[in-house]
N, C-alpha and C. Protein backbone atom coordinates (compact mmCIF):
# COMPACT_ATOMS: atom_id res chain seq x y z
N MET A 1 127.32 -22.65 15.07
CA MET A 1 126.41 -21.56 14.76
C MET A 1 126.26 -20.66 15.99
N LYS A 2 126.30 -19.35 15.75
CA LYS A 2 126.16 -18.39 16.83
C LYS A 2 124.70 -18.29 17.27
N THR A 3 124.51 -17.97 18.54
CA THR A 3 123.18 -17.72 19.07
C THR A 3 122.76 -16.29 18.73
N GLY A 4 121.48 -16.02 18.91
CA GLY A 4 120.99 -14.67 18.66
C GLY A 4 121.69 -13.63 19.50
N ILE A 5 121.91 -13.93 20.76
CA ILE A 5 122.55 -12.94 21.64
C ILE A 5 124.00 -12.69 21.22
N GLU A 6 124.66 -13.71 20.72
CA GLU A 6 126.04 -13.53 20.23
C GLU A 6 126.06 -12.67 18.97
N ILE A 7 125.09 -12.88 18.09
CA ILE A 7 125.00 -12.08 16.87
C ILE A 7 124.71 -10.62 17.22
N ILE A 8 123.82 -10.40 18.17
CA ILE A 8 123.51 -9.04 18.61
C ILE A 8 124.73 -8.39 19.25
N ALA A 9 125.46 -9.12 20.09
CA ALA A 9 126.66 -8.58 20.73
C ALA A 9 127.71 -8.21 19.68
N ASP A 10 127.87 -9.04 18.68
CA ASP A 10 128.81 -8.73 17.60
C ASP A 10 128.40 -7.46 16.87
N GLU A 11 127.10 -7.31 16.60
CA GLU A 11 126.62 -6.11 15.91
C GLU A 11 126.82 -4.87 16.78
N ARG A 12 126.58 -4.98 18.07
CA ARG A 12 126.78 -3.84 18.96
C ARG A 12 128.25 -3.43 18.96
N GLN A 13 129.13 -4.41 18.99
CA GLN A 13 130.56 -4.12 18.95
C GLN A 13 130.93 -3.44 17.63
N ARG A 14 130.36 -3.91 16.53
CA ARG A 14 130.61 -3.30 15.23
C ARG A 14 130.11 -1.84 15.21
N GLN A 15 128.94 -1.61 15.80
CA GLN A 15 128.41 -0.25 15.85
C GLN A 15 129.37 0.68 16.58
N LYS A 16 129.96 0.19 17.65
CA LYS A 16 130.91 1.01 18.42
C LYS A 16 132.20 1.24 17.64
N GLU A 17 132.79 0.16 17.14
CA GLU A 17 134.11 0.24 16.52
C GLU A 17 134.09 0.83 15.11
N VAL A 18 133.10 0.48 14.32
CA VAL A 18 133.07 0.92 12.92
C VAL A 18 132.28 2.22 12.76
N GLU A 19 131.12 2.29 13.38
CA GLU A 19 130.24 3.45 13.22
C GLU A 19 130.55 4.57 14.22
N GLY A 20 131.26 4.25 15.30
CA GLY A 20 131.56 5.25 16.31
C GLY A 20 130.41 5.54 17.24
N PHE A 21 129.45 4.61 17.33
CA PHE A 21 128.28 4.79 18.18
C PHE A 21 128.59 4.30 19.59
N THR A 22 129.39 5.08 20.29
CA THR A 22 129.85 4.76 21.64
C THR A 22 128.83 5.22 22.67
N ALA A 23 129.12 4.92 23.93
CA ALA A 23 128.23 5.33 25.02
C ALA A 23 128.06 6.85 25.05
N SER A 24 129.14 7.59 24.80
CA SER A 24 129.01 9.05 24.81
C SER A 24 128.16 9.54 23.65
N HIS A 25 128.26 8.89 22.51
CA HIS A 25 127.38 9.23 21.37
C HIS A 25 125.94 8.90 21.72
N ASP A 26 125.71 7.71 22.26
CA ASP A 26 124.35 7.28 22.59
C ASP A 26 123.70 8.18 23.63
N ALA A 27 124.51 8.75 24.53
CA ALA A 27 123.98 9.62 25.58
C ALA A 27 123.30 10.86 25.00
N GLU A 28 123.67 11.23 23.77
CA GLU A 28 123.07 12.39 23.12
C GLU A 28 121.62 12.13 22.68
N HIS A 29 121.21 10.88 22.69
CA HIS A 29 119.88 10.51 22.19
C HIS A 29 118.97 10.15 23.37
N SER A 30 118.42 11.18 23.98
CA SER A 30 117.66 10.99 25.21
C SER A 30 116.15 11.02 25.02
N ALA A 31 115.70 11.03 23.77
CA ALA A 31 114.25 11.12 23.51
C ALA A 31 113.70 9.82 22.92
N GLY A 32 114.37 8.72 23.19
CA GLY A 32 113.88 7.43 22.72
C GLY A 32 114.31 7.08 21.30
N GLU A 33 115.25 7.83 20.75
CA GLU A 33 115.65 7.62 19.37
C GLU A 33 116.22 6.22 19.11
N LEU A 34 117.02 5.72 20.04
CA LEU A 34 117.63 4.40 19.84
C LEU A 34 116.56 3.31 19.78
N ALA A 35 115.58 3.40 20.66
CA ALA A 35 114.49 2.41 20.65
C ALA A 35 113.64 2.54 19.39
N MET A 36 113.41 3.77 18.94
CA MET A 36 112.64 3.97 17.72
C MET A 36 113.37 3.40 16.50
N ALA A 37 114.68 3.61 16.45
CA ALA A 37 115.47 3.05 15.34
C ALA A 37 115.41 1.52 15.39
N ALA A 38 115.48 0.96 16.58
CA ALA A 38 115.38 -0.50 16.73
C ALA A 38 114.05 -1.00 16.19
N MET A 39 112.99 -0.27 16.50
CA MET A 39 111.66 -0.65 16.01
C MET A 39 111.63 -0.70 14.48
N CYS A 40 112.28 0.28 13.86
CA CYS A 40 112.28 0.34 12.39
C CYS A 40 113.00 -0.85 11.78
N TYR A 41 114.10 -1.26 12.38
CA TYR A 41 114.82 -2.43 11.86
C TYR A 41 114.08 -3.73 12.18
N ALA A 42 113.36 -3.76 13.29
CA ALA A 42 112.62 -4.96 13.65
C ALA A 42 111.36 -5.14 12.81
N MET A 43 110.88 -4.06 12.25
CA MET A 43 109.66 -4.10 11.44
C MET A 43 109.88 -5.00 10.22
N GLU A 44 108.88 -5.82 9.92
CA GLU A 44 108.94 -6.66 8.73
C GLU A 44 109.09 -5.79 7.49
N PRO A 45 109.95 -6.16 6.55
CA PRO A 45 110.16 -5.34 5.36
C PRO A 45 108.89 -5.01 4.59
N CYS A 46 107.91 -5.89 4.59
CA CYS A 46 106.68 -5.61 3.84
C CYS A 46 105.88 -4.47 4.45
N TRP A 47 106.20 -4.05 5.67
CA TRP A 47 105.48 -2.97 6.35
C TRP A 47 106.18 -1.63 6.23
N ARG A 48 107.32 -1.58 5.56
CA ARG A 48 108.04 -0.32 5.44
C ARG A 48 108.27 0.03 3.98
N PRO A 49 108.38 1.33 3.69
CA PRO A 49 108.59 1.75 2.30
C PRO A 49 109.93 1.26 1.77
N ALA A 50 109.98 0.97 0.48
CA ALA A 50 111.19 0.40 -0.10
C ALA A 50 112.30 1.43 -0.29
N GLU A 51 111.98 2.64 -0.60
CA GLU A 51 112.99 3.63 -0.98
C GLU A 51 113.27 4.70 0.08
N MET A 52 112.72 4.54 1.25
CA MET A 52 112.92 5.58 2.26
C MET A 52 112.82 4.97 3.65
N ALA A 53 113.22 5.74 4.64
CA ALA A 53 113.11 5.29 6.02
C ALA A 53 111.65 5.14 6.40
N PRO A 54 111.33 4.15 7.24
CA PRO A 54 109.94 3.98 7.65
C PRO A 54 109.49 5.08 8.61
N LEU A 55 108.19 5.23 8.70
CA LEU A 55 107.61 6.17 9.66
C LEU A 55 108.12 5.78 11.04
N GLY A 56 108.63 6.73 11.76
CA GLY A 56 109.19 6.47 13.07
C GLY A 56 110.70 6.53 13.10
N TRP A 57 111.34 6.56 11.93
CA TRP A 57 112.81 6.68 11.91
C TRP A 57 113.17 8.01 12.54
N PRO A 58 114.01 8.00 13.59
CA PRO A 58 114.20 9.21 14.39
C PRO A 58 115.18 10.25 13.84
N TRP A 59 115.89 9.93 12.78
CA TRP A 59 116.91 10.86 12.30
C TRP A 59 116.68 11.23 10.85
N CYS A 60 117.24 12.33 10.45
CA CYS A 60 117.14 12.80 9.07
C CYS A 60 117.87 11.82 8.16
N SER A 61 117.16 11.25 7.23
CA SER A 61 117.77 10.28 6.32
C SER A 61 118.66 10.94 5.27
N CYS A 62 118.74 12.25 5.25
CA CYS A 62 119.63 12.91 4.29
C CYS A 62 121.08 12.83 4.74
N ASP A 63 121.33 12.50 5.98
CA ASP A 63 122.69 12.30 6.48
C ASP A 63 123.00 10.81 6.39
N PRO A 64 123.94 10.40 5.53
CA PRO A 64 124.20 8.97 5.33
C PRO A 64 124.54 8.22 6.62
N LYS A 65 125.20 8.89 7.57
CA LYS A 65 125.56 8.20 8.81
C LYS A 65 124.32 7.92 9.66
N ASP A 66 123.34 8.79 9.58
CA ASP A 66 122.12 8.60 10.36
C ASP A 66 121.00 7.97 9.55
N GLY A 67 121.25 7.69 8.31
CA GLY A 67 120.22 7.15 7.44
C GLY A 67 119.86 5.71 7.76
N PHE A 68 118.67 5.37 7.41
CA PHE A 68 118.17 4.00 7.57
C PHE A 68 118.85 3.13 6.52
N ARG A 69 119.54 2.09 6.97
CA ARG A 69 120.27 1.21 6.06
C ARG A 69 119.79 -0.23 6.26
N PRO A 70 118.68 -0.58 5.67
CA PRO A 70 118.15 -1.93 5.84
C PRO A 70 118.98 -2.96 5.08
N SER A 71 118.79 -4.19 5.43
CA SER A 71 119.39 -5.33 4.73
C SER A 71 118.25 -6.27 4.36
N PRO A 72 117.45 -5.89 3.37
CA PRO A 72 116.21 -6.62 3.10
C PRO A 72 116.41 -8.10 2.74
N ASP A 73 117.59 -8.44 2.28
CA ASP A 73 117.85 -9.85 1.94
C ASP A 73 118.49 -10.62 3.09
N ASN A 74 118.62 -9.96 4.25
CA ASN A 74 119.25 -10.62 5.39
C ASN A 74 118.49 -10.21 6.66
N ARG A 75 117.42 -10.92 6.94
CA ARG A 75 116.55 -10.60 8.08
C ARG A 75 117.30 -10.71 9.40
N ILE A 76 118.21 -11.67 9.49
CA ILE A 76 118.96 -11.81 10.74
C ILE A 76 119.81 -10.56 11.00
N LYS A 77 120.42 -10.02 9.95
CA LYS A 77 121.23 -8.80 10.12
C LYS A 77 120.36 -7.64 10.59
N GLU A 78 119.17 -7.51 10.02
CA GLU A 78 118.27 -6.43 10.46
C GLU A 78 117.87 -6.61 11.92
N LEU A 79 117.56 -7.82 12.31
CA LEU A 79 117.18 -8.07 13.71
C LEU A 79 118.36 -7.87 14.65
N ALA A 80 119.56 -8.17 14.17
CA ALA A 80 120.76 -7.92 14.98
C ALA A 80 120.94 -6.42 15.20
N LYS A 81 120.71 -5.63 14.16
CA LYS A 81 120.78 -4.17 14.31
C LYS A 81 119.75 -3.71 15.34
N ALA A 82 118.54 -4.23 15.25
CA ALA A 82 117.49 -3.86 16.20
C ALA A 82 117.89 -4.23 17.62
N GLY A 83 118.37 -5.44 17.79
CA GLY A 83 118.78 -5.89 19.13
C GLY A 83 119.92 -5.07 19.69
N ALA A 84 120.89 -4.72 18.83
CA ALA A 84 122.03 -3.92 19.27
C ALA A 84 121.58 -2.51 19.66
N LEU A 85 120.62 -1.96 18.94
CA LEU A 85 120.09 -0.64 19.30
C LEU A 85 119.34 -0.70 20.62
N ILE A 86 118.61 -1.76 20.87
CA ILE A 86 117.93 -1.92 22.16
C ILE A 86 118.98 -2.03 23.27
N ALA A 87 120.03 -2.80 23.04
CA ALA A 87 121.10 -2.92 24.04
C ALA A 87 121.73 -1.55 24.31
N ALA A 88 121.93 -0.77 23.26
CA ALA A 88 122.49 0.57 23.43
C ALA A 88 121.57 1.45 24.27
N GLU A 89 120.27 1.35 24.03
CA GLU A 89 119.31 2.15 24.81
C GLU A 89 119.29 1.70 26.27
N ILE A 90 119.35 0.40 26.50
CA ILE A 90 119.41 -0.10 27.88
C ILE A 90 120.67 0.42 28.57
N ASP A 91 121.81 0.34 27.88
CA ASP A 91 123.06 0.85 28.46
C ASP A 91 122.96 2.34 28.75
N ARG A 92 122.36 3.09 27.83
CA ARG A 92 122.21 4.53 28.03
C ARG A 92 121.39 4.82 29.29
N LEU A 93 120.30 4.09 29.45
CA LEU A 93 119.45 4.27 30.63
C LEU A 93 120.17 3.85 31.90
N GLN A 94 120.92 2.77 31.83
CA GLN A 94 121.69 2.32 33.00
C GLN A 94 122.72 3.36 33.39
N ASN A 95 123.36 3.99 32.41
CA ASN A 95 124.38 5.00 32.70
C ASN A 95 123.78 6.24 33.36
N LEU A 96 122.51 6.49 33.15
CA LEU A 96 121.86 7.63 33.81
C LEU A 96 121.77 7.42 35.32
N LYS A 97 121.76 6.18 35.75
CA LYS A 97 121.64 5.86 37.17
C LYS A 97 122.96 6.04 37.92
N GLN A 98 124.04 6.15 37.18
CA GLN A 98 125.38 6.25 37.82
C GLN A 98 125.71 7.66 38.19
């Protein structure tokens, strides 16, 4: 069985390879958007609306690529998305120091 950090690392890799959310893409989000998106995925499903992005979702949900895509029947997958978004925000901030 994989550990939480391994699951998060796999999700971050998937975000880069499948979604195209690379470091250069992430650099465009300098107003805390990645952390806000992570918060939305980390939020318990009972606290967010069923048919729309939760309050705090940083992007227009009318664009499917930027839309909120929960996995309500797979809490681990949602938390992996949240963790991967936090990792992306940390990397973005680290890259600012270079």
